[in-house]
Amino acid sequence: MDVEQAHEVTEATAPSYTLADIVADGCFVPQPDLAAMLERLGTKKNLVLQGPPGTGKTWLAKRLAYALIGDPPERARERVRVVQFHPSYAYEDFVRGYRPKGREGLDLVDGILLEAVQAATAEGDRPFVLVIEEINRGNPAQIFGETLTLLEHDKRERSEAIELAYRRFDGERVYLPPNLYVIGTMNLADRSLALVDLALRRRFAFVTLTPRFDAAWRAWCAREGRLPEAFLDRVATRIAALNAEIADAPSLGEPFAIGHSYLTPGRGRAVADPEAWFQAIVATEIAPLLEEYWYEDPATARAKAEALVRP
């Protein structure tokens, strides 16, 4: 058996990563909804997961990437790149730009997008995924620049290649290969984030994640966190009431809801003292968020936090 045959056998016998594995890992989104997300990613090539804080956007983005690739995380990570946009992030960081080269002047350096293009091209037909966290924390239109048009699913071929702002040689042209997929995440509650312009919106499919304090969440918390059913019912009821108040607040709304990730124990992490665990999360994570929401009315923020942990 030669090296190529051995590789094919390894690929055929290696464990896969499926939508059922995402659910087993602690995702509370129903599997048919996950299948729809993966279908849209496969068709559109670009997907944004948006939603309130604590709804597991980045966590799910990575696992959708693993499922698309079809390998378990420890293997799939080789074909996933992750970057986070921020206000000072620029085209020169993401696509290509000049960087200081000691005392010798400037060097033209590829950013993570072109690195992903090269890596995806080397993979042939196998999927390669670029995950962009907080895609609207920077200015997406400026960061993508002329490569924005290359995102379109029907322009993923060599004939659609374009020249970049910074070229290594005259006539150099770049295109995004069809096996390169982009998954972005977007926090809808951060008031400081930029609005995503229509040019970017029409090149991505958008899926909104919502808080899920439901039966799947209860089952996970009871099994992995050893949390009592009555306790979980009380927590879910109080968070639901708080989220309803947030949704009705004129300056807030549903995008500011409290997500389930705040109150989901990790796999196999039994909670010894449920009340102390809940109070600590409210005091250090949820209460500060409420103070930001009602920054002009700290008494209201404090009252809502106290209502969560009231005996």
Protein backbone atom coordinates (compact mmCIF):
# COMPACT_ATOMS: atom_id res chain seq x y z
CA MET A 1 0.00 0.00 0.00
CA ASP A 2 1.52 3.33 -1.04
CA VAL A 3 1.25 6.62 0.83
CA GLU A 4 -1.71 7.87 -1.24
CA GLN A 5 -3.67 4.65 -0.68
CA ALA A 6 -2.93 4.78 3.03
CA HIS A 7 -4.23 8.34 3.15
CA GLU A 8 -7.43 7.29 1.37
CA VAL A 9 -7.97 4.44 3.84
CA THR A 10 -7.39 6.78 6.77
CA GLU A 11 -9.89 9.28 5.34
CA ALA A 12 -12.47 6.54 4.82
CA THR A 13 -12.16 5.06 8.32
CA ALA A 14 -11.69 8.27 10.29
CA PRO A 15 -14.60 9.31 12.52
CA SER A 16 -16.82 12.02 11.09
CA TYR A 17 -18.49 15.01 12.73
CA THR A 18 -22.20 15.43 12.08
CA LEU A 19 -25.11 17.62 13.11
CA ALA A 20 -25.98 15.00 15.72
CA ASP A 21 -22.53 15.56 17.22
CA ILE A 22 -23.22 19.30 17.46
CA VAL A 23 -26.38 18.54 19.44
CA ALA A 24 -24.51 16.04 21.61
CA ASP A 25 -21.85 18.68 22.32
CA GLY A 26 -24.49 20.91 23.93
CA CYS A 27 -26.28 22.75 21.14
CA PHE A 28 -29.95 23.42 21.90
CA VAL A 29 -30.90 24.40 18.35
CA PRO A 30 -33.06 21.61 16.86
CA GLN A 31 -31.20 19.41 14.41
CA PRO A 32 -33.49 20.28 11.44
CA ASP A 33 -32.64 23.97 12.00
CA LEU A 34 -28.94 23.11 12.03
CA ALA A 35 -29.42 21.23 8.76
CA ALA A 36 -31.03 24.31 7.24
CA MET A 37 -28.08 26.47 8.34
CA LEU A 38 -25.60 24.03 6.83
CA GLU A 39 -27.60 23.91 3.61
CA ARG A 40 -27.57 27.71 3.35
CA LEU A 41 -23.84 27.78 4.04
CA GLY A 42 -23.24 25.18 1.34
CA THR A 43 -25.34 27.09 -1.18
CA LYS A 44 -24.50 30.71 -0.34
CA LYS A 45 -20.88 30.04 0.73
CA ASN A 46 -21.21 32.79 3.37
CA LEU A 47 -23.27 32.73 6.56
CA VAL A 48 -23.68 35.11 9.52
CA LEU A 49 -24.96 33.93 12.89
CA GLN A 50 -26.47 36.91 14.67
CA GLY A 51 -28.22 37.28 17.99
CA PRO A 52 -28.19 38.53 21.59
CA PRO A 53 -25.18 38.01 23.86
CA GLY A 54 -24.80 34.51 25.24
CA THR A 55 -26.56 32.60 22.47
CA GLY A 56 -23.49 30.61 21.43
CA LYS A 57 -22.74 32.28 18.10
CA THR A 58 -18.98 31.66 17.97
CA TRP A 59 -19.33 28.20 19.52
CA LEU A 60 -21.87 27.19 16.88
CA ALA A 61 -19.94 28.84 14.03
CA LYS A 62 -16.93 26.62 14.71
CA ARG A 63 -19.03 23.47 15.00
CA LEU A 64 -20.88 24.19 11.78
CA ALA A 65 -17.44 24.47 10.21
CA TYR A 66 -16.46 21.07 11.62
CA ALA A 67 -19.72 19.53 10.35
CA LEU A 68 -19.22 21.03 6.89
CA ILE A 69 -15.68 19.66 6.81
CA GLY A 70 -16.96 16.35 8.19
CA ASP A 71 -14.07 15.72 10.57
CA PRO A 72 -14.02 15.77 14.38
CA PRO A 73 -12.68 19.04 15.88
CA GLU A 74 -9.14 17.78 16.50
CA ARG A 75 -8.74 17.15 12.76
CA ALA A 76 -11.08 19.77 11.32
CA ARG A 77 -9.24 22.65 13.03
CA GLU A 78 -6.50 22.25 10.43
CA ARG A 79 -8.96 23.56 7.84
CA VAL A 80 -10.46 26.38 9.91
CA ARG A 81 -9.06 29.88 10.41
CA VAL A 82 -10.49 32.31 12.96
CA VAL A 83 -10.17 36.09 13.04
CA GLN A 84 -11.94 38.80 15.03
CA PHE A 85 -12.79 42.18 13.56
CA HIS A 86 -12.38 45.30 15.70
CA PRO A 87 -12.50 49.08 15.16
CA SER A 88 -8.83 49.38 14.22
CA TYR A 89 -8.80 46.33 11.95
CA ALA A 90 -8.15 47.28 8.33
CA TYR A 91 -7.96 46.01 4.76
CA GLU A 92 -4.19 45.84 5.15
CA ASP A 93 -4.62 43.40 8.07
CA PHE A 94 -7.28 41.24 6.44
CA VAL A 95 -6.38 41.16 2.74
CA ARG A 96 -2.88 42.50 2.08
CA GLY A 97 -0.76 45.47 3.05
CA TYR A 98 2.70 46.82 3.67
CA ARG A 99 4.42 46.15 7.00
CA PRO A 100 7.71 47.49 8.36
CA LYS A 101 10.66 45.24 7.57
CA GLY A 102 13.26 46.29 10.08
CA ARG A 103 15.56 48.91 8.59
CA GLU A 104 15.05 47.62 5.08
CA GLY A 105 11.80 49.45 4.37
CA LEU A 106 8.43 47.79 3.87
CA ASP A 107 7.32 44.26 3.07
CA LEU A 108 4.06 43.32 1.32
CA VAL A 109 2.31 40.83 3.62
CA ASP A 110 -0.80 38.76 2.95
CA GLY A 111 -3.59 38.96 5.52
CA ILE A 112 -5.69 36.07 6.81
CA LEU A 113 -8.09 36.19 3.84
CA LEU A 114 -5.37 35.56 1.27
CA GLU A 115 -3.77 33.00 3.60
CA ALA A 116 -7.14 31.22 3.70
CA VAL A 117 -7.39 31.42 -0.11
CA GLN A 118 -3.99 29.76 -0.47
CA ALA A 119 -4.79 27.09 2.12
CA ALA A 120 -8.19 26.35 0.56
CA THR A 121 -6.67 26.08 -2.91
CA ALA A 122 -4.16 23.55 -1.58
CA GLU A 123 -7.04 21.44 -0.24
CA GLY A 124 -8.52 20.84 -3.68
CA ASP A 125 -12.26 20.19 -3.30
CA ARG A 126 -12.21 19.72 0.48
CA PRO A 127 -14.01 22.49 2.41
CA PHE A 128 -11.98 25.17 4.15
CA VAL A 129 -13.66 27.65 6.52
CA LEU A 130 -12.84 31.18 7.61
CA VAL A 131 -14.67 32.20 10.80
CA ILE A 132 -14.98 35.95 11.40
CA GLU A 133 -15.99 36.82 14.95
CA GLU A 134 -17.84 40.12 15.50
CA ILE A 135 -17.94 40.82 11.77
CA ASN A 136 -19.60 44.20 12.39
CA ARG A 137 -17.21 45.35 15.12
CA GLY A 138 -14.99 46.83 12.45
CA ASN A 139 -16.05 48.37 9.14
CA PRO A 140 -16.69 45.29 6.97
CA ALA A 141 -16.98 47.17 3.67
CA GLN A 142 -13.59 48.84 4.18
CA ILE A 143 -11.96 45.69 5.54
CA PHE A 144 -13.04 43.53 2.59
CA GLY A 145 -12.45 46.26 0.03
CA GLU A 146 -12.63 45.04 -3.56
CA THR A 147 -12.69 41.40 -2.37
CA LEU A 148 -16.31 41.93 -1.31
CA THR A 149 -17.50 41.09 -4.81
CA LEU A 150 -15.50 37.85 -4.76
CA LEU A 151 -17.63 36.53 -1.90
CA GLU A 152 -20.60 35.87 -4.18
CA HIS A 153 -21.24 32.17 -4.63
CA ASP A 154 -21.46 32.46 -8.42
CA LYS A 155 -18.10 34.24 -8.71
CA ARG A 156 -15.97 31.54 -7.10
CA GLU A 157 -13.94 30.70 -10.20
CA ARG A 158 -10.73 31.79 -11.86
CA SER A 159 -12.55 33.70 -14.60
CA GLU A 160 -13.88 36.10 -11.93
CA ALA A 161 -10.41 36.96 -10.56
CA ILE A 162 -9.68 40.64 -9.94
CA GLU A 163 -6.64 42.80 -9.26
CA LEU A 164 -6.08 43.86 -5.66
CA ALA A 165 -5.15 47.28 -4.34
CA TYR A 166 -1.67 45.95 -3.52
CA ARG A 167 -0.20 43.61 -6.16
CA ARG A 168 2.98 41.56 -6.05
CA PHE A 169 3.41 41.88 -9.81
CA ASP A 170 1.65 43.52 -12.73
CA GLY A 171 -1.41 41.60 -13.77
CA GLU A 172 -1.69 39.58 -10.56
CA ARG A 173 -5.31 38.57 -10.06
CA VAL A 174 -7.06 36.85 -7.16
CA TYR A 175 -10.30 34.91 -6.75
CA LEU A 176 -11.92 32.98 -3.90
CA PRO A 177 -12.00 29.22 -4.55
CA PRO A 178 -15.40 27.46 -4.37
CA ASN A 179 -14.31 25.34 -1.39
CA LEU A 180 -13.69 28.42 0.81
CA TYR A 181 -16.61 29.18 3.14
CA VAL A 182 -17.03 32.19 5.43
CA ILE A 183 -18.98 32.13 8.70
CA GLY A 184 -19.38 35.40 10.58
CA THR A 185 -20.87 36.18 13.97
CA MET A 186 -22.68 39.36 14.91
CA ASN A 187 -23.66 40.65 18.35
CA LEU A 188 -26.88 42.61 17.89
CA ALA A 189 -26.80 44.15 21.38
CA ASP A 190 -23.56 46.14 21.18
CA ARG A 191 -24.53 49.75 20.54
CA SER A 192 -21.01 50.64 19.41
CA LEU A 193 -20.96 48.25 16.46
CA ALA A 194 -21.25 49.37 12.86
CA LEU A 195 -24.31 48.66 10.77
CA VAL A 196 -23.70 46.12 8.05
CA ASP A 197 -24.22 47.73 4.66
CA LEU A 198 -26.50 46.24 2.04
CA ALA A 199 -23.63 45.20 -0.23
CA LEU A 200 -22.32 42.88 2.45
CA ARG A 201 -25.77 41.72 3.52
CA ARG A 202 -26.74 40.42 0.11
CA ARG A 203 -23.61 38.27 -0.04
CA PHE A 204 -24.35 36.47 3.23
CA ALA A 205 -27.21 34.35 4.51
CA PHE A 206 -28.27 35.51 7.99
CA VAL A 207 -29.53 33.30 10.81
CA THR A 208 -30.72 34.69 14.14
CA LEU A 209 -29.96 32.70 17.29
CA THR A 210 -32.24 33.21 20.29
CA PRO A 211 -32.05 32.33 23.99
CA ARG A 212 -33.03 28.69 24.52
CA PHE A 213 -34.03 28.00 28.11
CA ASP A 214 -36.09 25.06 26.89
CA ALA A 215 -36.39 21.32 27.41
CA ALA A 216 -33.06 20.64 25.68
CA TRP A 217 -31.33 23.17 27.96
CA ARG A 218 -32.96 21.66 31.05
CA ALA A 219 -31.93 18.14 30.02
CA TRP A 220 -28.31 19.21 29.49
CA CYS A 221 -28.11 21.11 32.79
CA ALA A 222 -29.66 18.22 34.70
CA ARG A 223 -27.37 15.64 33.11
CA GLU A 224 -24.07 17.52 32.94
CA GLY A 225 -24.48 19.98 35.81
CA ARG A 226 -26.53 17.74 38.11
CA LEU A 227 -28.91 20.66 38.64
CA PRO A 228 -32.34 19.94 40.19
CA GLU A 229 -35.40 20.17 37.98
CA ALA A 230 -37.22 22.58 40.29
CA PHE A 231 -34.17 24.87 40.34
CA LEU A 232 -33.95 24.87 36.54
CA ASP A 233 -37.66 25.64 36.22
CA ARG A 234 -37.25 28.63 38.53
CA VAL A 235 -34.19 29.94 36.68
CA ALA A 236 -35.85 29.53 33.28
CA THR A 237 -39.02 31.27 34.46
CA ARG A 238 -37.16 34.24 35.93
CA ILE A 239 -34.87 34.67 32.94
CA ALA A 240 -37.89 34.49 30.62
CA ALA A 241 -39.59 37.23 32.64
CA LEU A 242 -36.45 39.38 32.51
CA ASN A 243 -36.10 38.85 28.76
CA ALA A 244 -39.73 39.88 28.28
CA GLU A 245 -39.01 43.12 30.16
CA ILE A 246 -35.91 43.70 28.05
CA ALA A 247 -37.91 43.10 24.86
CA ASP A 248 -40.53 45.64 25.96
CA ALA A 249 -38.00 48.31 27.00
CA PRO A 250 -38.11 51.20 24.46
CA SER A 251 -34.32 51.56 24.29
CA LEU A 252 -33.62 47.81 24.15
CA GLY A 253 -35.63 45.02 22.52
CA GLU A 254 -35.19 41.33 21.75
CA PRO A 255 -31.57 41.70 20.50
CA PHE A 256 -30.57 42.54 24.09
CA ALA A 257 -32.00 39.38 25.68
CA ILE A 258 -29.95 37.24 28.07
CA GLY A 259 -28.72 34.12 26.31
CA HIS A 260 -28.55 30.59 27.68
CA SER A 261 -24.75 30.36 27.52
CA TYR A 262 -24.50 32.40 30.71
CA LEU A 263 -26.29 29.63 32.58
CA THR A 264 -25.12 26.44 30.92
CA PRO A 265 -22.56 24.28 32.77
CA GLY A 266 -19.86 22.61 30.72
CA ARG A 267 -19.83 18.93 29.89
CA GLY A 268 -19.34 16.85 33.04
CA ARG A 269 -19.08 19.91 35.30
CA ALA A 270 -21.42 19.08 38.15
CA VAL A 271 -22.53 22.11 40.17
CA ALA A 272 -22.05 21.46 43.88
CA ASP A 273 -24.16 24.39 45.12
CA PRO A 274 -26.78 25.48 42.55
CA GLU A 275 -27.89 28.60 44.45
CA ALA A 276 -24.34 29.88 44.94
CA TRP A 277 -23.54 29.10 41.30
CA PHE A 278 -26.56 31.05 40.06
CA GLN A 279 -25.94 34.00 42.39
CA ALA A 280 -22.30 34.25 41.29
CA ILE A 281 -23.26 34.32 37.60
CA VAL A 282 -25.91 36.97 38.19
CA ALA A 283 -23.56 39.12 40.29
CA THR A 284 -20.53 38.97 37.97
CA GLU A 285 -22.01 38.53 34.48
CA ILE A 286 -25.71 39.34 34.21
CA ALA A 287 -25.94 42.28 36.64
CA PRO A 288 -23.08 44.20 34.93
CA LEU A 289 -24.83 43.66 31.59
CA LEU A 290 -28.09 45.02 33.01
CA GLU A 291 -26.20 48.04 34.36
CA GLU A 292 -25.01 48.71 30.83
CA TYR A 293 -28.53 48.32 29.47
CA TRP A 294 -30.07 50.69 32.02
CA TYR A 295 -27.04 52.93 32.39
CA GLU A 296 -29.25 55.96 33.05
CA ASP A 297 -31.31 54.12 35.67
CA PRO A 298 -29.01 52.02 37.89
CA ALA A 299 -31.80 51.43 40.42
CA THR A 300 -33.85 49.60 37.78
CA ALA A 301 -30.87 47.50 36.74
CA ARG A 302 -30.17 46.61 40.36
CA ALA A 303 -33.81 45.70 41.03
CA LYS A 304 -33.96 43.38 38.02
CA ALA A 305 -30.77 41.59 39.07
CA GLU A 306 -32.06 41.19 42.62
CA ALA A 307 -35.35 39.77 41.31
CA LEU A 308 -33.45 36.95 39.61
CA VAL A 309 -31.90 35.63 42.84
CA ARG A 310 -34.68 36.49 45.28
CA PRO A 311 -35.57 33.40 47.43
